[in-house]
Amino acid sequence: MSGYLAACAIFRNEARYLAEWVAFHLVVGVEHLFLYDNRSEDDFAAVLAPYVEEGAVTLIDWPAYPGQNQAYDDCIARTRGEWRWVAFIDLDEFLFSPRLRPVSEMLARFEHVPGVGVPWAQFGTSGHRTPPPGLVIENYTMRRVGRRNARQFKSVVDPAAVTKCLGPHSFTYADPMFRGPVPRFASVHDLRVNHYFSRSESEFQAKIHALDSYGKSRNARAFLATDRAPAVRDEAIGAYGPAVRAMLARRAEHA
């Protein structure tokens, strides 16, 4: 299997959000998703079954813990020479163009570099104490503002040009002229990753007390400070809501 743009993520117990996440990324122009299951105990397989059957998702059992870096290295090996771009994001992150153009179209201008850093935008609880019904992209609309957010990014890379995953955000590249965390940064107006780091208050509290992807305790103070930071309403991604709901409805009809 080969193509222009794929995405990769590792997940655990995300069945509640998997369908929306997959549907959204197919809507915005991702052609295929490589998903690594990290010892989930929910009904993720049933949620993903329609997408696996139609060839939109490759589901990989990945029990190693912590296993994120190794999963990313495995995905690089699987896609090297087959895909021009692979986006490495999490299940609480949504990659899109605020210009409402296909992500692949916005990446075409970066053909001269092996990797692109896509700016992060962080969204907190938006006042939800418990998980509300409906779509994440429509329920969580309060974007945190501040200088720290401008320094955060996720990577979209050419697997053929990557030698190793350095962590959830960056990679090393074979060409010595490309050093540092990422060869080129995209404009936040062209590409963005919405990071719904907390979702609802109850989910936020559970996340604070859980181990991170490296098996370490999270910095609860930093998370709380981020959630309480100044915020502005940002509903740009909500424009994709109707298309996402339509795709989810079509998959439900054929389930």
Protein backbone atom coordinates (compact mmCIF):
# COMPACT_ATOMS: atom_id res chain seq x y z
CA MET A 1 0.00 0.00 0.00
CA SER A 2 1.27 3.43 -0.89
CA GLY A 3 0.07 6.99 -1.26
CA TYR A 4 0.75 10.63 -0.50
CA LEU A 5 -0.46 11.25 3.08
CA ALA A 6 -0.94 8.82 5.96
CA ALA A 7 -1.19 9.29 9.72
CA CYS A 8 0.10 7.26 12.65
CA ALA A 9 -1.06 7.05 16.27
CA ILE A 10 -0.72 4.78 19.27
CA PHE A 11 -3.71 4.46 21.58
CA ARG A 12 -5.10 2.79 24.66
CA ASN A 13 -8.80 2.59 25.62
CA GLU A 14 -9.91 5.28 23.18
CA ALA A 15 -12.97 3.48 21.74
CA ARG A 16 -15.22 6.39 22.72
CA TYR A 17 -13.32 8.74 20.39
CA LEU A 18 -11.79 6.51 17.72
CA ALA A 19 -14.60 6.72 15.16
CA GLU A 20 -14.66 10.51 15.13
CA TRP A 21 -10.88 10.75 15.00
CA VAL A 22 -10.61 8.36 12.05
CA ALA A 23 -13.55 9.90 10.17
CA PHE A 24 -12.22 13.42 10.67
CA HIS A 25 -8.80 12.64 9.26
CA LEU A 26 -10.24 10.86 6.26
CA VAL A 27 -12.44 13.91 5.64
CA VAL A 28 -9.49 16.35 5.71
CA GLY A 29 -7.43 14.36 3.22
CA VAL A 30 -5.51 11.67 5.09
CA GLU A 31 -5.59 8.58 2.87
CA HIS A 32 -4.68 5.89 5.40
CA LEU A 33 -4.19 5.53 9.15
CA PHE A 34 -1.71 3.26 10.94
CA LEU A 35 -3.10 2.66 14.43
CA TYR A 36 -1.14 0.90 17.18
CA ASP A 37 -3.24 -0.63 19.95
CA ASN A 38 -1.37 -0.45 23.24
CA ARG A 39 -3.18 -3.02 25.43
CA SER A 40 -6.68 -1.55 25.16
CA GLU A 41 -9.47 -3.23 27.12
CA ASP A 42 -12.48 -1.54 25.50
CA ASP A 43 -14.34 -2.30 22.25
CA PHE A 44 -11.87 -0.52 19.96
CA ALA A 45 -11.78 -3.44 17.49
CA ALA A 46 -15.52 -3.22 16.82
CA VAL A 47 -15.30 0.54 16.34
CA LEU A 48 -12.45 0.24 13.85
CA ALA A 49 -13.74 -2.85 12.02
CA PRO A 50 -15.53 -0.96 9.19
CA TYR A 51 -12.45 1.14 8.49
CA VAL A 52 -10.12 -1.87 8.60
CA GLU A 53 -12.40 -3.81 6.25
CA GLU A 54 -12.50 -1.01 3.69
CA GLY A 55 -8.72 -0.58 3.83
CA ALA A 56 -8.62 2.87 5.42
CA VAL A 57 -6.97 1.65 8.65
CA THR A 58 -4.10 -0.72 9.40
CA LEU A 59 -4.50 -1.94 12.99
CA ILE A 60 -1.34 -3.18 14.72
CA ASP A 61 -1.21 -4.93 18.10
CA TRP A 62 1.52 -3.16 20.09
CA PRO A 63 1.62 -4.37 23.72
CA ALA A 64 4.98 -2.80 24.64
CA TYR A 65 4.76 -0.21 27.42
CA PRO A 66 5.85 2.44 27.12
CA GLY A 67 5.91 1.88 23.37
CA GLN A 68 5.28 5.15 21.57
CA ASN A 69 8.76 5.76 20.18
CA GLN A 70 9.12 2.15 19.09
CA ALA A 71 5.71 2.21 17.44
CA TYR A 72 6.67 5.34 15.52
CA ASP A 73 9.93 3.72 14.39
CA ASP A 74 7.93 0.70 13.24
CA CYS A 75 5.59 2.94 11.27
CA ILE A 76 8.53 4.71 9.64
CA ALA A 77 9.87 1.31 8.53
CA ARG A 78 6.44 0.24 7.20
CA THR A 79 5.91 3.42 5.20
CA ARG A 80 9.44 4.21 4.02
CA GLY A 81 9.46 4.60 0.26
CA GLU A 82 5.69 4.04 0.09
CA TRP A 83 4.26 7.27 1.52
CA ARG A 84 5.50 10.80 0.93
CA TRP A 85 4.14 12.13 4.21
CA VAL A 86 3.18 10.52 7.51
CA ALA A 87 1.69 12.64 10.30
CA PHE A 88 2.51 11.50 13.83
CA ILE A 89 -0.26 12.61 16.17
CA ASP A 90 -2.24 11.37 19.18
CA LEU A 91 -5.90 10.45 19.61
CA ASP A 92 -6.59 13.78 21.30
CA GLU A 93 -5.06 15.70 18.38
CA PHE A 94 -6.72 16.70 15.10
CA LEU A 95 -4.66 17.80 12.10
CA PHE A 96 -6.31 20.20 9.65
CA SER A 97 -5.96 23.40 7.65
CA PRO A 98 -7.73 26.48 9.04
CA ARG A 99 -8.09 27.50 5.40
CA LEU A 100 -10.42 24.47 5.05
CA ARG A 101 -8.29 22.99 2.29
CA PRO A 102 -7.13 19.34 2.16
CA VAL A 103 -4.09 18.77 4.34
CA SER A 104 -2.34 17.11 1.41
CA GLU A 105 -2.79 20.27 -0.65
CA MET A 106 -1.18 22.39 2.07
CA LEU A 107 1.75 19.96 2.37
CA ALA A 108 2.51 20.14 -1.35
CA ARG A 109 4.38 23.42 -0.85
CA PHE A 110 6.88 21.61 1.44
CA GLU A 111 8.08 19.04 -1.11
CA HIS A 112 11.61 20.42 -0.84
CA VAL A 113 12.01 19.41 2.84
CA PRO A 114 11.79 16.03 4.63
CA GLY A 115 9.70 17.18 7.59
CA VAL A 116 7.19 19.80 8.64
CA GLY A 117 6.41 21.05 12.14
CA VAL A 118 2.69 21.75 12.49
CA PRO A 119 1.81 24.22 15.28
CA TRP A 120 -0.20 23.01 18.27
CA ALA A 121 -3.33 24.73 19.54
CA GLN A 122 -4.44 23.60 23.00
CA PHE A 123 -8.06 23.29 24.03
CA GLY A 124 -9.19 22.74 27.62
CA THR A 125 -12.43 21.58 29.22
CA SER A 126 -14.54 24.41 27.75
CA GLY A 127 -16.64 24.22 30.92
CA HIS A 128 -17.69 20.57 30.52
CA ARG A 129 -17.64 18.68 33.82
CA THR A 130 -18.42 15.32 32.20
CA PRO A 131 -18.11 14.08 28.59
CA PRO A 132 -20.87 15.75 26.54
CA PRO A 133 -22.63 13.98 23.65
CA GLY A 134 -21.58 14.86 20.15
CA LEU A 135 -18.27 15.58 18.46
CA VAL A 136 -15.07 16.64 20.19
CA ILE A 137 -14.40 19.17 17.43
CA GLU A 138 -17.73 20.88 18.16
CA ASN A 139 -17.88 20.53 21.96
CA TYR A 140 -14.47 21.95 22.90
CA THR A 141 -14.13 25.46 21.53
CA MET A 142 -12.01 27.41 24.04
CA ARG A 143 -8.44 27.66 22.79
CA ARG A 144 -5.66 28.51 25.24
CA VAL A 145 -3.55 31.51 24.35
CA GLY A 146 -0.02 32.41 25.37
CA ARG A 147 3.57 32.28 24.21
CA ARG A 148 4.07 28.66 25.32
CA ASN A 149 1.57 27.37 22.79
CA ALA A 150 3.52 28.94 19.92
CA ARG A 151 6.53 26.73 20.69
CA GLN A 152 4.65 23.44 20.51
CA PHE A 153 4.29 21.36 17.35
CA LYS A 154 3.77 17.90 15.89
CA SER A 155 5.69 16.43 12.96
CA VAL A 156 4.63 15.37 9.48
CA VAL A 157 7.60 13.62 7.86
CA ASP A 158 8.90 11.85 4.79
CA PRO A 159 9.60 8.32 6.13
CA ALA A 160 12.34 7.82 3.53
CA ALA A 161 14.24 10.76 5.03
CA VAL A 162 13.91 9.81 8.72
CA THR A 163 16.44 7.76 10.69
CA LYS A 164 14.82 7.64 14.13
CA CYS A 165 12.00 8.89 16.32
CA LEU A 166 13.26 11.16 19.10
CA GLY A 167 9.92 11.39 20.92
CA PRO A 168 6.28 12.19 20.30
CA HIS A 169 7.17 15.48 18.59
CA SER A 170 10.36 15.13 16.57
CA PHE A 171 12.64 12.88 14.52
CA THR A 172 16.21 12.74 13.23
CA TYR A 173 16.84 13.03 9.49
CA ALA A 174 19.38 11.33 7.26
CA ASP A 175 20.42 14.52 5.47
CA PRO A 176 22.95 16.31 7.75
CA MET A 177 21.78 19.73 6.53
CA PHE A 178 18.49 19.17 8.35
CA ARG A 179 19.28 19.41 12.04
CA GLY A 180 17.17 20.46 14.99
CA PRO A 181 13.65 19.39 15.89
CA VAL A 182 12.11 19.91 12.44
CA PRO A 183 13.34 21.11 9.02
CA ARG A 184 10.52 23.57 8.38
CA PHE A 185 7.60 25.01 10.36
CA ALA A 186 4.20 25.50 8.75
CA SER A 187 2.22 28.68 9.33
CA VAL A 188 -0.54 28.27 11.93
CA HIS A 189 -2.86 29.78 9.33
CA ASP A 190 -2.10 26.96 6.87
CA LEU A 191 -1.83 23.89 9.09
CA ARG A 192 -2.67 23.27 12.71
CA VAL A 193 -3.03 20.46 15.24
CA ASN A 194 -5.87 21.03 17.68
CA HIS A 195 -4.83 19.33 20.91
CA TYR A 196 -7.78 18.50 23.16
CA PHE A 197 -5.49 17.77 26.07
CA SER A 198 -8.14 17.59 28.77
CA ARG A 199 -11.55 17.02 27.20
CA SER A 200 -14.05 17.16 30.09
CA GLU A 201 -13.19 17.94 33.72
CA SER A 202 -13.72 14.32 34.81
CA GLU A 203 -11.49 13.02 32.00
CA PHE A 204 -8.95 15.71 32.81
CA GLN A 205 -8.69 14.56 36.42
CA ALA A 206 -8.28 10.95 35.32
CA LYS A 207 -5.53 11.98 32.91
CA ILE A 208 -3.64 13.88 35.60
CA HIS A 209 -3.51 10.79 37.80
CA ALA A 210 -2.57 8.38 35.00
CA LEU A 211 0.94 7.58 33.78
CA ASP A 212 2.11 9.19 30.57
CA SER A 213 3.27 7.38 27.44
CA TYR A 214 6.70 6.86 29.02
CA GLY A 215 5.36 5.23 32.19
CA LYS A 216 6.00 8.35 34.28
CA SER A 217 3.70 10.41 36.48
CA ARG A 218 2.30 13.52 34.82
CA ASN A 219 3.02 17.01 36.05
CA ALA A 220 -0.41 17.82 37.50
CA ARG A 221 0.54 21.42 38.26
CA ALA A 222 1.52 22.07 34.63
CA PHE A 223 -1.71 20.54 33.36
CA LEU A 224 -3.82 22.58 35.74
CA ALA A 225 -1.97 25.77 34.83
CA THR A 226 -2.58 25.10 31.15
CA ASP A 227 -6.29 24.47 31.64
CA ARG A 228 -6.67 27.70 33.65
CA ALA A 229 -4.74 29.85 31.16
CA PRO A 230 -6.52 32.63 29.24
CA ALA A 231 -8.60 31.31 26.36
CA VAL A 232 -10.48 32.52 23.30
CA ARG A 233 -13.37 30.92 21.44
CA ASP A 234 -12.14 29.11 18.33
CA GLU A 235 -14.66 27.18 16.23
CA ALA A 236 -12.69 26.97 12.98
CA ILE A 237 -12.46 23.19 12.99
CA GLY A 238 -16.22 22.91 13.51
CA ALA A 239 -16.72 23.52 9.79
CA TYR A 240 -15.87 19.85 9.32
CA GLY A 241 -18.60 18.70 11.70
CA PRO A 242 -21.29 18.00 9.06
CA ALA A 243 -18.91 15.94 6.87
CA VAL A 244 -17.67 13.95 9.87
CA ARG A 245 -21.19 13.19 11.06
CA ALA A 246 -22.17 12.14 7.54
CA MET A 247 -19.26 9.71 7.33
CA LEU A 248 -20.06 8.29 10.76
CA ALA A 249 -23.70 7.82 9.73
CA ARG A 250 -22.68 5.96 6.54
CA ARG A 251 -20.42 3.62 8.50
CA ALA A 252 -23.20 2.98 11.03
CA GLU A 253 -25.60 2.01 8.23
CA HIS A 254 -23.17 -0.63 6.98
CA ALA A 255 -22.11 -1.92 10.40
